[in-house]
Amino acid sequence: MSSSEKDFVKATMQHFDVLRDAGFEPSKNKTRFPNDWFDFPPNIMADFGAMYFLASLSKFNRDRSLAQITNQLESPLRLGQYKIFRSNGCPRAFITWAGLDKEAERQFAIDHQPLNPFQWNSGRSTWLIDFVAPFGHIDQMIPQMTRNNDINRLRTLWHNKKGTRARVVEWWRPFEGGHILVKSYGMGQFSNLLKGN
Protein backbone atom coordinates (compact mmCIF):
# COMPACT_ATOMS: atom_id res chain seq x y z
CA MET A 1 0.00 0.00 0.00
CA SER A 2 1.40 3.36 -0.97
CA SER A 3 1.87 6.22 1.47
CA SER A 4 -1.09 8.15 0.01
CA GLU A 5 -3.32 5.06 0.28
CA LYS A 6 -2.31 4.61 3.94
CA ASP A 7 -3.12 8.28 4.64
CA PHE A 8 -6.49 7.87 2.94
CA VAL A 9 -7.34 4.73 4.96
CA LYS A 10 -6.27 6.40 8.22
CA ALA A 11 -8.35 9.53 7.54
CA THR A 12 -11.35 7.48 6.44
CA MET A 13 -11.21 5.21 9.48
CA GLN A 14 -11.37 8.25 11.76
CA HIS A 15 -14.73 9.10 10.22
CA PHE A 16 -15.99 5.56 10.78
CA ASP A 17 -14.98 5.39 14.46
CA VAL A 18 -18.39 6.74 15.44
CA LEU A 19 -20.11 3.92 13.55
CA ARG A 20 -17.83 1.29 15.06
CA ASP A 21 -18.72 2.41 18.59
CA ALA A 22 -22.47 2.67 17.89
CA GLY A 23 -23.28 -1.05 17.75
CA PHE A 24 -26.89 -2.15 17.72
CA GLU A 25 -29.68 -0.48 19.65
CA PRO A 26 -29.94 -1.91 23.17
CA SER A 27 -32.99 -3.92 24.15
CA LYS A 28 -35.76 -1.91 25.79
CA ASN A 29 -36.35 -4.60 28.40
CA LYS A 30 -32.70 -4.50 29.57
CA THR A 31 -32.17 -8.16 28.67
CA ARG A 32 -28.73 -8.73 27.19
CA PHE A 33 -28.52 -10.34 23.78
CA PRO A 34 -26.67 -13.69 23.67
CA ASN A 35 -23.30 -13.46 21.89
CA ASP A 36 -24.56 -15.23 18.75
CA TRP A 37 -27.98 -13.52 18.69
CA PHE A 38 -27.43 -11.83 15.33
CA ASP A 39 -25.80 -14.83 13.65
CA PHE A 40 -28.65 -16.15 11.54
CA PRO A 41 -27.81 -19.13 9.32
CA PRO A 42 -27.58 -18.18 5.61
CA ASN A 43 -30.95 -19.77 4.72
CA ILE A 44 -32.76 -17.80 7.45
CA MET A 45 -31.02 -14.59 6.38
CA ALA A 46 -32.15 -15.27 2.79
CA ASP A 47 -35.72 -15.83 4.02
CA PHE A 48 -35.54 -12.56 5.99
CA GLY A 49 -34.47 -10.77 2.80
CA ALA A 50 -37.34 -12.33 0.85
CA MET A 51 -39.87 -11.40 3.53
CA TYR A 52 -38.53 -7.86 3.84
CA PHE A 53 -38.70 -7.48 0.05
CA LEU A 54 -42.34 -8.63 0.01
CA ALA A 55 -43.28 -6.46 3.00
CA SER A 56 -41.77 -3.40 1.33
CA LEU A 57 -44.11 -3.94 -1.64
CA SER A 58 -47.31 -4.30 0.40
CA LYS A 59 -49.47 -1.24 1.08
CA PHE A 60 -49.81 -2.08 4.78
CA ASN A 61 -46.07 -2.47 5.43
CA ARG A 62 -44.34 -0.12 2.99
CA ASP A 63 -44.47 2.91 5.31
CA ARG A 64 -42.89 1.04 8.23
CA SER A 65 -39.28 1.61 9.15
CA LEU A 66 -36.59 -1.03 8.75
CA ALA A 67 -36.54 -1.39 12.55
CA GLN A 68 -40.31 -1.98 12.68
CA ILE A 69 -40.23 -4.65 9.97
CA THR A 70 -37.20 -6.33 11.55
CA ASN A 71 -39.05 -6.41 14.88
CA GLN A 72 -42.15 -7.78 13.14
CA LEU A 73 -40.24 -10.62 11.43
CA GLU A 74 -37.50 -11.57 13.88
CA SER A 75 -39.54 -13.78 16.22
CA PRO A 76 -41.26 -15.86 13.51
CA LEU A 77 -37.90 -16.29 11.77
CA ARG A 78 -36.22 -17.52 14.94
CA LEU A 79 -39.13 -19.83 15.77
CA GLY A 80 -39.66 -21.14 12.24
CA GLN A 81 -43.26 -19.88 12.33
CA TYR A 82 -43.46 -18.62 8.77
CA LYS A 83 -44.00 -19.87 5.24
CA ILE A 84 -42.82 -18.20 2.06
CA PHE A 85 -44.86 -18.95 -1.05
CA ARG A 86 -42.79 -19.00 -4.24
CA SER A 87 -43.50 -19.01 -7.95
CA ASN A 88 -40.72 -20.15 -10.28
CA GLY A 89 -38.35 -19.97 -7.29
CA CYS A 90 -39.13 -16.30 -6.59
CA PRO A 91 -40.81 -15.16 -3.35
CA ARG A 92 -44.37 -13.99 -3.98
CA ALA A 93 -46.05 -14.02 -0.55
CA PHE A 94 -45.56 -15.06 3.06
CA ILE A 95 -47.43 -15.72 6.25
CA THR A 96 -46.38 -15.78 9.91
CA TRP A 97 -48.27 -17.31 12.81
CA ALA A 98 -48.22 -17.43 16.60
CA GLY A 99 -49.82 -19.36 19.44
CA LEU A 100 -51.28 -16.78 21.82
CA ASP A 101 -52.71 -16.79 25.33
CA LYS A 102 -55.69 -14.54 26.16
CA GLU A 103 -53.48 -11.66 27.35
CA ALA A 104 -51.48 -11.68 24.10
CA GLU A 105 -54.71 -11.96 22.07
CA ARG A 106 -56.08 -8.87 23.83
CA GLN A 107 -52.82 -6.94 23.34
CA PHE A 108 -52.60 -7.83 19.65
CA ALA A 109 -56.25 -7.72 18.56
CA ILE A 110 -57.87 -5.15 20.83
CA ASP A 111 -55.01 -2.87 21.87
CA HIS A 112 -53.29 -3.18 18.44
CA GLN A 113 -49.86 -3.56 20.05
CA PRO A 114 -47.09 -5.68 18.51
CA LEU A 115 -46.26 -8.98 20.15
CA ASN A 116 -43.21 -9.31 22.36
CA PRO A 117 -40.85 -12.18 21.46
CA PHE A 118 -41.93 -14.27 24.48
CA GLN A 119 -45.61 -14.02 23.45
CA TRP A 120 -45.30 -15.80 20.09
CA ASN A 121 -45.78 -19.19 21.78
CA SER A 122 -47.60 -18.06 24.91
CA GLY A 123 -50.80 -20.06 24.34
CA ARG A 124 -52.81 -22.46 22.22
CA SER A 125 -54.86 -19.98 20.19
CA THR A 126 -53.34 -20.00 16.69
CA TRP A 127 -53.19 -16.60 14.99
CA LEU A 128 -52.21 -15.64 11.48
CA ILE A 129 -50.08 -12.57 12.25
CA ASP A 130 -48.84 -11.54 8.81
CA PHE A 131 -50.47 -12.29 5.48
CA VAL A 132 -48.37 -10.50 2.87
CA ALA A 133 -49.20 -11.08 -0.80
CA PRO A 134 -48.23 -8.03 -2.87
CA PHE A 135 -48.43 -10.01 -6.13
CA GLY A 136 -51.94 -11.33 -5.42
CA HIS A 137 -51.20 -15.05 -4.95
CA ILE A 138 -53.99 -15.39 -2.40
CA ASP A 139 -55.88 -17.95 -4.51
CA GLN A 140 -52.83 -20.25 -4.31
CA MET A 141 -52.11 -19.62 -0.62
CA ILE A 142 -55.55 -20.30 0.84
CA PRO A 143 -55.90 -23.89 -0.44
CA GLN A 144 -52.44 -24.75 0.95
CA MET A 145 -53.36 -23.27 4.32
CA THR A 146 -56.65 -25.21 4.50
CA ARG A 147 -54.83 -28.54 4.05
CA ASN A 148 -53.30 -28.30 7.52
CA ASN A 149 -55.58 -30.56 9.56
CA ASP A 150 -53.52 -29.97 12.71
CA ILE A 151 -55.14 -26.56 13.17
CA ASN A 152 -58.82 -26.62 14.11
CA ARG A 153 -59.13 -22.86 14.65
CA LEU A 154 -57.22 -19.92 13.19
CA ARG A 155 -57.74 -16.25 13.95
CA THR A 156 -56.48 -13.09 12.30
CA LEU A 157 -56.90 -9.35 12.57
CA TRP A 158 -58.47 -7.99 9.41
CA HIS A 159 -58.74 -4.46 8.00
CA ASN A 160 -60.98 -4.12 4.96
CA LYS A 161 -59.77 -0.64 4.07
CA LYS A 162 -57.30 1.83 5.52
CA GLY A 163 -58.97 3.85 8.24
CA THR A 164 -61.69 1.30 8.95
CA ARG A 165 -61.99 -0.56 12.22
CA ALA A 166 -60.35 -3.94 12.38
CA ARG A 167 -62.28 -7.15 12.93
CA VAL A 168 -61.17 -10.52 14.21
CA VAL A 169 -61.85 -13.21 11.63
CA GLU A 170 -61.92 -16.80 12.84
CA TRP A 171 -61.81 -19.91 10.67
CA TRP A 172 -62.57 -23.23 12.34
CA ARG A 173 -63.39 -26.86 11.66
CA PRO A 174 -66.10 -28.43 13.82
CA PHE A 175 -64.29 -31.77 13.44
CA GLU A 176 -61.11 -33.05 11.77
CA GLY A 177 -61.51 -33.08 8.00
CA GLY A 178 -64.75 -31.08 8.24
CA HIS A 179 -65.67 -28.04 6.19
CA ILE A 180 -64.06 -24.79 7.28
CA LEU A 181 -66.50 -22.28 8.76
CA VAL A 182 -65.96 -18.54 9.25
CA LYS A 183 -66.92 -16.11 12.03
CA SER A 184 -66.21 -12.40 12.31
CA TYR A 185 -66.08 -10.37 15.54
CA GLY A 186 -66.08 -6.64 16.18
CA MET A 187 -63.66 -5.49 18.87
CA GLY A 188 -66.36 -5.35 21.57
CA GLN A 189 -67.61 -8.82 20.66
CA PHE A 190 -64.09 -10.25 20.72
CA SER A 191 -63.31 -8.57 24.03
CA ASN A 192 -66.42 -10.23 25.52
CA LEU A 193 -65.39 -13.57 24.01
CA LEU A 194 -61.99 -13.32 25.72
CA LYS A 195 -63.72 -12.51 29.02
CA GLY A 196 -65.86 -15.62 28.60
CA ASN A 197 -69.15 -13.72 28.26
C-alpha atoms as a PDB file:
ATOM      1  CA  MET A   1       0.000   0.000   0.000  1.00  0.00           C
ATOM      2  CA  SER A   2       1.398   3.364  -0.972  1.00  0.00           C
ATOM      3  CA  SER A   3       1.869   6.225   1.469  1.00  0.00           C
ATOM      4  CA  SER A   4      -1.087   8.152   0.009  1.00  0.00           C
ATOM      5  CA  GLU A   5      -3.315   5.061   0.283  1.00  0.00           C
ATOM      6  CA  LYS A   6      -2.307   4.614   3.936  1.00  0.00           C
ATOM      7  CA  ASP A   7      -3.124   8.278   4.636  1.00  0.00           C
ATOM      8  CA  PHE A   8      -6.489   7.874   2.936  1.00  0.00           C
ATOM      9  CA  VAL A   9      -7.341   4.731   4.961  1.00  0.00           C
ATOM     10  CA  LYS A  10      -6.274   6.399   8.223  1.00  0.00           C
ATOM     11  CA  ALA A  11      -8.351   9.532   7.538  1.00  0.00           C
ATOM     12  CA  THR A  12     -11.350   7.476   6.437  1.00  0.00           C
ATOM     13  CA  MET A  13     -11.210   5.213   9.482  1.00  0.00           C
ATOM     14  CA  GLN A  14     -11.368   8.251  11.764  1.00  0.00           C
ATOM     15  CA  HIS A  15     -14.732   9.102  10.219  1.00  0.00           C
ATOM     16  CA  PHE A  16     -15.986   5.558  10.776  1.00  0.00           C
ATOM     17  CA  ASP A  17     -14.979   5.390  14.462  1.00  0.00           C
ATOM     18  CA  VAL A  18     -18.387   6.742  15.436  1.00  0.00           C
ATOM     19  CA  LEU A  19     -20.106   3.921  13.548  1.00  0.00           C
ATOM     20  CA  ARG A  20     -17.828   1.285  15.062  1.00  0.00           C
ATOM     21  CA  ASP A  21     -18.724   2.409  18.586  1.00  0.00           C
ATOM     22  CA  ALA A  22     -22.473   2.673  17.889  1.00  0.00           C
ATOM     23  CA  GLY A  23     -23.277  -1.052  17.753  1.00  0.00           C
ATOM     24  CA  PHE A  24     -26.892  -2.147  17.715  1.00  0.00           C
ATOM     25  CA  GLU A  25     -29.684  -0.485  19.651  1.00  0.00           C
ATOM     26  CA  PRO A  26     -29.940  -1.911  23.168  1.00  0.00           C
ATOM     27  CA  SER A  27     -32.988  -3.917  24.150  1.00  0.00           C
ATOM     28  CA  LYS A  28     -35.758  -1.908  25.788  1.00  0.00           C
ATOM     29  CA  ASN A  29     -36.349  -4.601  28.399  1.00  0.00           C
ATOM     30  CA  LYS A  30     -32.705  -4.499  29.569  1.00  0.00           C
ATOM     31  CA  THR A  31     -32.171  -8.160  28.675  1.00  0.00           C
ATOM     32  CA  ARG A  32     -28.731  -8.733  27.188  1.00  0.00           C
ATOM     33  CA  PHE A  33     -28.524 -10.342  23.779  1.00  0.00           C
ATOM     34  CA  PRO A  34     -26.673 -13.691  23.667  1.00  0.00           C
ATOM     35  CA  ASN A  35     -23.303 -13.456  21.888  1.00  0.00           C
ATOM     36  CA  ASP A  36     -24.558 -15.229  18.746  1.00  0.00           C
ATOM     37  CA  TRP A  37     -27.978 -13.521  18.693  1.00  0.00           C
ATOM     38  CA  PHE A  38     -27.429 -11.825  15.330  1.00  0.00           C
ATOM     39  CA  ASP A  39     -25.798 -14.831  13.648  1.00  0.00           C
ATOM     40  CA  PHE A  40     -28.652 -16.154  11.538  1.00  0.00           C
ATOM     41  CA  PRO A  41     -27.814 -19.130   9.319  1.00  0.00           C
ATOM     42  CA  PRO A  42     -27.584 -18.185   5.612  1.00  0.00           C
ATOM     43  CA  ASN A  43     -30.949 -19.775   4.721  1.00  0.00           C
ATOM     44  CA  ILE A  44     -32.761 -17.801   7.454  1.00  0.00           C
ATOM     45  CA  MET A  45     -31.022 -14.594   6.382  1.00  0.00           C
ATOM     46  CA  ALA A  46     -32.146 -15.272   2.793  1.00  0.00           C
ATOM     47  CA  ASP A  47     -35.715 -15.826   4.025  1.00  0.00           C
ATOM     48  CA  PHE A  48     -35.543 -12.558   5.986  1.00  0.00           C
ATOM     49  CA  GLY A  49     -34.469 -10.773   2.802  1.00  0.00           C
ATOM     50  CA  ALA A  50     -37.343 -12.329   0.847  1.00  0.00           C
ATOM     51  CA  MET A  51     -39.875 -11.403   3.534  1.00  0.00           C
ATOM     52  CA  TYR A  52     -38.530  -7.863   3.842  1.00  0.00           C
ATOM     53  CA  PHE A  53     -38.701  -7.482   0.048  1.00  0.00           C
ATOM     54  CA  LEU A  54     -42.341  -8.627   0.007  1.00  0.00           C
ATOM     55  CA  ALA A  55     -43.285  -6.460   2.998  1.00  0.00           C
ATOM     56  CA  SER A  56     -41.770  -3.400   1.325  1.00  0.00           C
ATOM     57  CA  LEU A  57     -44.113  -3.940  -1.635  1.00  0.00           C
ATOM     58  CA  SER A  58     -47.307  -4.300   0.400  1.00  0.00           C
ATOM     59  CA  LYS A  59     -49.470  -1.241   1.083  1.00  0.00           C
ATOM     60  CA  PHE A  60     -49.809  -2.075   4.783  1.00  0.00           C
ATOM     61  CA  ASN A  61     -46.071  -2.472   5.433  1.00  0.00           C
ATOM     62  CA  ARG A  62     -44.342  -0.123   2.993  1.00  0.00           C
ATOM     63  CA  ASP A  63     -44.465   2.906   5.313  1.00  0.00           C
ATOM     64  CA  ARG A  64     -42.894   1.036   8.229  1.00  0.00           C
ATOM     65  CA  SER A  65     -39.282   1.608   9.150  1.00  0.00           C
ATOM     66  CA  LEU A  66     -36.592  -1.029   8.750  1.00  0.00           C
ATOM     67  CA  ALA A  67     -36.537  -1.393  12.551  1.00  0.00           C
ATOM     68  CA  GLN A  68     -40.310  -1.982  12.681  1.00  0.00           C
ATOM     69  CA  ILE A  69     -40.225  -4.648   9.971  1.00  0.00           C
ATOM     70  CA  THR A  70     -37.202  -6.328  11.552  1.00  0.00           C
ATOM     71  CA  ASN A  71     -39.053  -6.408  14.884  1.00  0.00           C
ATOM     72  CA  GLN A  72     -42.150  -7.779  13.137  1.00  0.00           C
ATOM     73  CA  LEU A  73     -40.244 -10.620  11.426  1.00  0.00           C
ATOM     74  CA  GLU A  74     -37.498 -11.567  13.882  1.00  0.00           C
ATOM     75  CA  SER A  75     -39.540 -13.781  16.220  1.00  0.00           C
ATOM     76  CA  PRO A  76     -41.258 -15.857  13.515  1.00  0.00           C
ATOM     77  CA  LEU A  77     -37.901 -16.290  11.767  1.00  0.00           C
ATOM     78  CA  ARG A  78     -36.215 -17.516  14.944  1.00  0.00           C
ATOM     79  CA  LEU A  79     -39.125 -19.828  15.773  1.00  0.00           C
ATOM     80  CA  GLY A  80     -39.659 -21.136  12.239  1.00  0.00           C
ATOM     81  CA  GLN A  81     -43.263 -19.881  12.332  1.00  0.00           C
ATOM     82  CA  TYR A  82     -43.460 -18.615   8.770  1.00  0.00           C
ATOM     83  CA  LYS A  83     -43.996 -19.865   5.245  1.00  0.00           C
ATOM     84  CA  ILE A  84     -42.816 -18.203   2.063  1.00  0.00           C
ATOM     85  CA  PHE A  85     -44.859 -18.946  -1.054  1.00  0.00           C
ATOM     86  CA  ARG A  86     -42.789 -18.998  -4.235  1.00  0.00           C
ATOM     87  CA  SER A  87     -43.503 -19.006  -7.948  1.00  0.00           C
ATOM     88  CA  ASN A  88     -40.719 -20.152 -10.278  1.00  0.00           C
ATOM     89  CA  GLY A  89     -38.346 -19.965  -7.295  1.00  0.00           C
ATOM     90  CA  CYS A  90     -39.130 -16.303  -6.588  1.00  0.00           C
ATOM     91  CA  PRO A  91     -40.813 -15.158  -3.349  1.00  0.00           C
ATOM     92  CA  ARG A  92     -44.366 -13.991  -3.982  1.00  0.00           C
ATOM     93  CA  ALA A  93     -46.051 -14.021  -0.553  1.00  0.00           C
ATOM     94  CA  PHE A  94     -45.555 -15.062   3.059  1.00  0.00           C
ATOM     95  CA  ILE A  95     -47.433 -15.725   6.253  1.00  0.00           C
ATOM     96  CA  THR A  96     -46.381 -15.776   9.906  1.00  0.00           C
ATOM     97  CA  TRP A  97     -48.271 -17.312  12.809  1.00  0.00           C
ATOM     98  CA  ALA A  98     -48.219 -17.426  16.596  1.00  0.00           C
ATOM     99  CA  GLY A  99     -49.818 -19.359  19.442  1.00  0.00           C
ATOM    100  CA  LEU A 100     -51.282 -16.776  21.824  1.00  0.00           C
ATOM    101  CA  ASP A 101     -52.712 -16.786  25.326  1.00  0.00           C
ATOM    102  CA  LYS A 102     -55.689 -14.535  26.164  1.00  0.00           C
ATOM    103  CA  GLU A 103     -53.484 -11.663  27.354  1.00  0.00           C
ATOM    104  CA  ALA A 104     -51.484 -11.684  24.104  1.00  0.00           C
ATOM    105  CA  GLU A 105     -54.707 -11.959  22.069  1.00  0.00           C
ATOM    106  CA  ARG A 106     -56.080  -8.873  23.826  1.00  0.00           C
ATOM    107  CA  GLN A 107     -52.825  -6.943  23.344  1.00  0.00           C
ATOM    108  CA  PHE A 108     -52.602  -7.829  19.647  1.00  0.00           C
ATOM    109  CA  ALA A 109     -56.248  -7.716  18.557  1.00  0.00           C
ATOM    110  CA  ILE A 110     -57.874  -5.151  20.830  1.00  0.00           C
ATOM    111  CA  ASP A 111     -55.010  -2.871  21.867  1.00  0.00           C
ATOM    112  CA  HIS A 112     -53.290  -3.177  18.439  1.00  0.00           C
ATOM    113  CA  GLN A 113     -49.860  -3.558  20.055  1.00  0.00           C
ATOM    114  CA  PRO A 114     -47.095  -5.677  18.511  1.00  0.00           C
ATOM    115  CA  LEU A 115     -46.260  -8.982  20.151  1.00  0.00           C
ATOM    116  CA  ASN A 116     -43.208  -9.309  22.356  1.00  0.00           C
ATOM    117  CA  PRO A 117     -40.853 -12.182  21.463  1.00  0.00           C
ATOM    118  CA  PHE A 118     -41.929 -14.274  24.483  1.00  0.00           C
ATOM    119  CA  GLN A 119     -45.606 -14.016  23.446  1.00  0.00           C
ATOM    120  CA  TRP A 120     -45.301 -15.799  20.094  1.00  0.00           C
ATOM    121  CA  ASN A 121     -45.778 -19.186  21.777  1.00  0.00           C
ATOM    122  CA  SER A 122     -47.605 -18.062  24.912  1.00  0.00           C
ATOM    123  CA  GLY A 123     -50.804 -20.064  24.340  1.00  0.00           C
ATOM    124  CA  ARG A 124     -52.813 -22.457  22.224  1.00  0.00           C
ATOM    125  CA  SER A 125     -54.863 -19.979  20.187  1.00  0.00           C
ATOM    126  CA  THR A 126     -53.337 -19.997  16.687  1.00  0.00           C
ATOM    127  CA  TRP A 127     -53.190 -16.600  14.992  1.00  0.00           C
ATOM    128  CA  LEU A 128     -52.213 -15.641  11.477  1.00  0.00           C
ATOM    129  CA  ILE A 129     -50.084 -12.570  12.251  1.00  0.00           C
ATOM    130  CA  ASP A 130     -48.835 -11.541   8.812  1.00  0.00           C
ATOM    131  CA  PHE A 131     -50.475 -12.290   5.475  1.00  0.00           C
ATOM    132  CA  VAL A 132     -48.372 -10.503   2.873  1.00  0.00           C
ATOM    133  CA  ALA A 133     -49.198 -11.078  -0.799  1.00  0.00           C
ATOM    134  CA  PRO A 134     -48.234  -8.026  -2.873  1.00  0.00           C
ATOM    135  CA  PHE A 135     -48.435 -10.010  -6.131  1.00  0.00           C
ATOM    136  CA  GLY A 136     -51.936 -11.334  -5.417  1.00  0.00           C
ATOM    137  CA  HIS A 137     -51.198 -15.046  -4.952  1.00  0.00           C
ATOM    138  CA  ILE A 138     -53.991 -15.392  -2.398  1.00  0.00           C
ATOM    139  CA  ASP A 139     -55.881 -17.952  -4.509  1.00  0.00           C
ATOM    140  CA  GLN A 140     -52.825 -20.251  -4.309  1.00  0.00           C
ATOM    141  CA  MET A 141     -52.107 -19.615  -0.620  1.00  0.00           C
ATOM    142  CA  ILE A 142     -55.548 -20.296   0.842  1.00  0.00           C
ATOM    143  CA  PRO A 143     -55.898 -23.894  -0.444  1.00  0.00           C
ATOM    144  CA  GLN A 144     -52.442 -24.747   0.948  1.00  0.00           C
ATOM    145  CA  MET A 145     -53.361 -23.270   4.316  1.00  0.00           C
ATOM    146  CA  THR A 146     -56.649 -25.212   4.498  1.00  0.00           C
ATOM    147  CA  ARG A 147     -54.826 -28.539   4.045  1.00  0.00           C
ATOM    148  CA  ASN A 148     -53.296 -28.299   7.517  1.00  0.00           C
ATOM    149  CA  ASN A 149     -55.584 -30.560   9.560  1.00  0.00           C
ATOM    150  CA  ASP A 150     -53.521 -29.970  12.715  1.00  0.00           C
ATOM    151  CA  ILE A 151     -55.143 -26.560  13.166  1.00  0.00           C
ATOM    152  CA  ASN A 152     -58.824 -26.622  14.109  1.00  0.00           C
ATOM    153  CA  ARG A 153     -59.135 -22.864  14.654  1.00  0.00           C
ATOM    154  CA  LEU A 154     -57.221 -19.922  13.187  1.00  0.00           C
ATOM    155  CA  ARG A 155     -57.743 -16.247  13.951  1.00  0.00           C
ATOM    156  CA  THR A 156     -56.475 -13.092  12.303  1.00  0.00           C
ATOM    157  CA  LEU A 157     -56.897  -9.349  12.572  1.00  0.00           C
ATOM    158  CA  TRP A 158     -58.475  -7.986   9.414  1.00  0.00           C
ATOM    159  CA  HIS A 159     -58.743  -4.455   8.004  1.00  0.00           C
ATOM    160  CA  ASN A 160     -60.984  -4.123   4.955  1.00  0.00           C
ATOM    161  CA  LYS A 161     -59.774  -0.636   4.068  1.00  0.00           C
ATOM    162  CA  LYS A 162     -57.300   1.829   5.524  1.00  0.00           C
ATOM    163  CA  GLY A 163     -58.967   3.854   8.242  1.00  0.00           C
ATOM    164  CA  THR A 164     -61.690   1.298   8.952  1.00  0.00           C
ATOM    165  CA  ARG A 165     -61.989  -0.557  12.223  1.00  0.00           C
ATOM    166  CA  ALA A 166     -60.353  -3.944  12.379  1.00  0.00           C
ATOM    167  CA  ARG A 167     -62.278  -7.147  12.930  1.00  0.00           C
ATOM    168  CA  VAL A 168     -61.171 -10.517  14.207  1.00  0.00           C
ATOM    169  CA  VAL A 169     -61.850 -13.211  11.626  1.00  0.00           C
ATOM    170  CA  GLU A 170     -61.920 -16.803  12.839  1.00  0.00           C
ATOM    171  CA  TRP A 171     -61.812 -19.912  10.671  1.00  0.00           C
ATOM    172  CA  TRP A 172     -62.574 -23.228  12.337  1.00  0.00           C
ATOM    173  CA  ARG A 173     -63.392 -26.863  11.659  1.00  0.00           C
ATOM    174  CA  PRO A 174     -66.097 -28.427  13.821  1.00  0.00           C
ATOM    175  CA  PHE A 175     -64.294 -31.768  13.439  1.00  0.00           C
ATOM    176  CA  GLU A 176     -61.110 -33.045  11.767  1.00  0.00           C
ATOM    177  CA  GLY A 177     -61.506 -33.080   7.997  1.00  0.00           C
ATOM    178  CA  GLY A 178     -64.748 -31.080   8.236  1.00  0.00           C
ATOM    179  CA  HIS A 179     -65.668 -28.041   6.191  1.00  0.00           C
ATOM    180  CA  ILE A 180     -64.061 -24.788   7.278  1.00  0.00           C
ATOM    181  CA  LEU A 181     -66.499 -22.278   8.764  1.00  0.00           C
ATOM    182  CA  VAL A 182     -65.960 -18.538   9.252  1.00  0.00           C
ATOM    183  CA  LYS A 183     -66.917 -16.108  12.028  1.00  0.00           C
ATOM    184  CA  SER A 184     -66.206 -12.400  12.312  1.00  0.00           C
ATOM    185  CA  TYR A 185     -66.075 -10.368  15.538  1.00  0.00           C
ATOM    186  CA  GLY A 186     -66.080  -6.644  16.176  1.00  0.00           C
ATOM    187  CA  MET A 187     -63.664  -5.491  18.872  1.00  0.00           C
ATOM    188  CA  GLY A 188     -66.363  -5.351  21.565  1.00  0.00           C
ATOM    189  CA  GLN A 189     -67.607  -8.823  20.662  1.00  0.00           C
ATOM    190  CA  PHE A 190     -64.095 -10.249  20.719  1.00  0.00           C
ATOM    191  CA  SER A 191     -63.313  -8.574  24.034  1.00  0.00           C
ATOM    192  CA  ASN A 192     -66.415 -10.231  25.519  1.00  0.00           C
ATOM    193  CA  LEU A 193     -65.385 -13.568  24.010  1.00  0.00           C
ATOM    194  CA  LEU A 194     -61.991 -13.322  25.723  1.00  0.00           C
ATOM    195  CA  LYS A 195     -63.718 -12.514  29.025  1.00  0.00           C
ATOM    196  CA  GLY A 196     -65.857 -15.621  28.598  1.00  0.00           C
ATOM    197  CA  ASN A 197     -69.149 -13.718  28.261  1.00  0.00           C
END
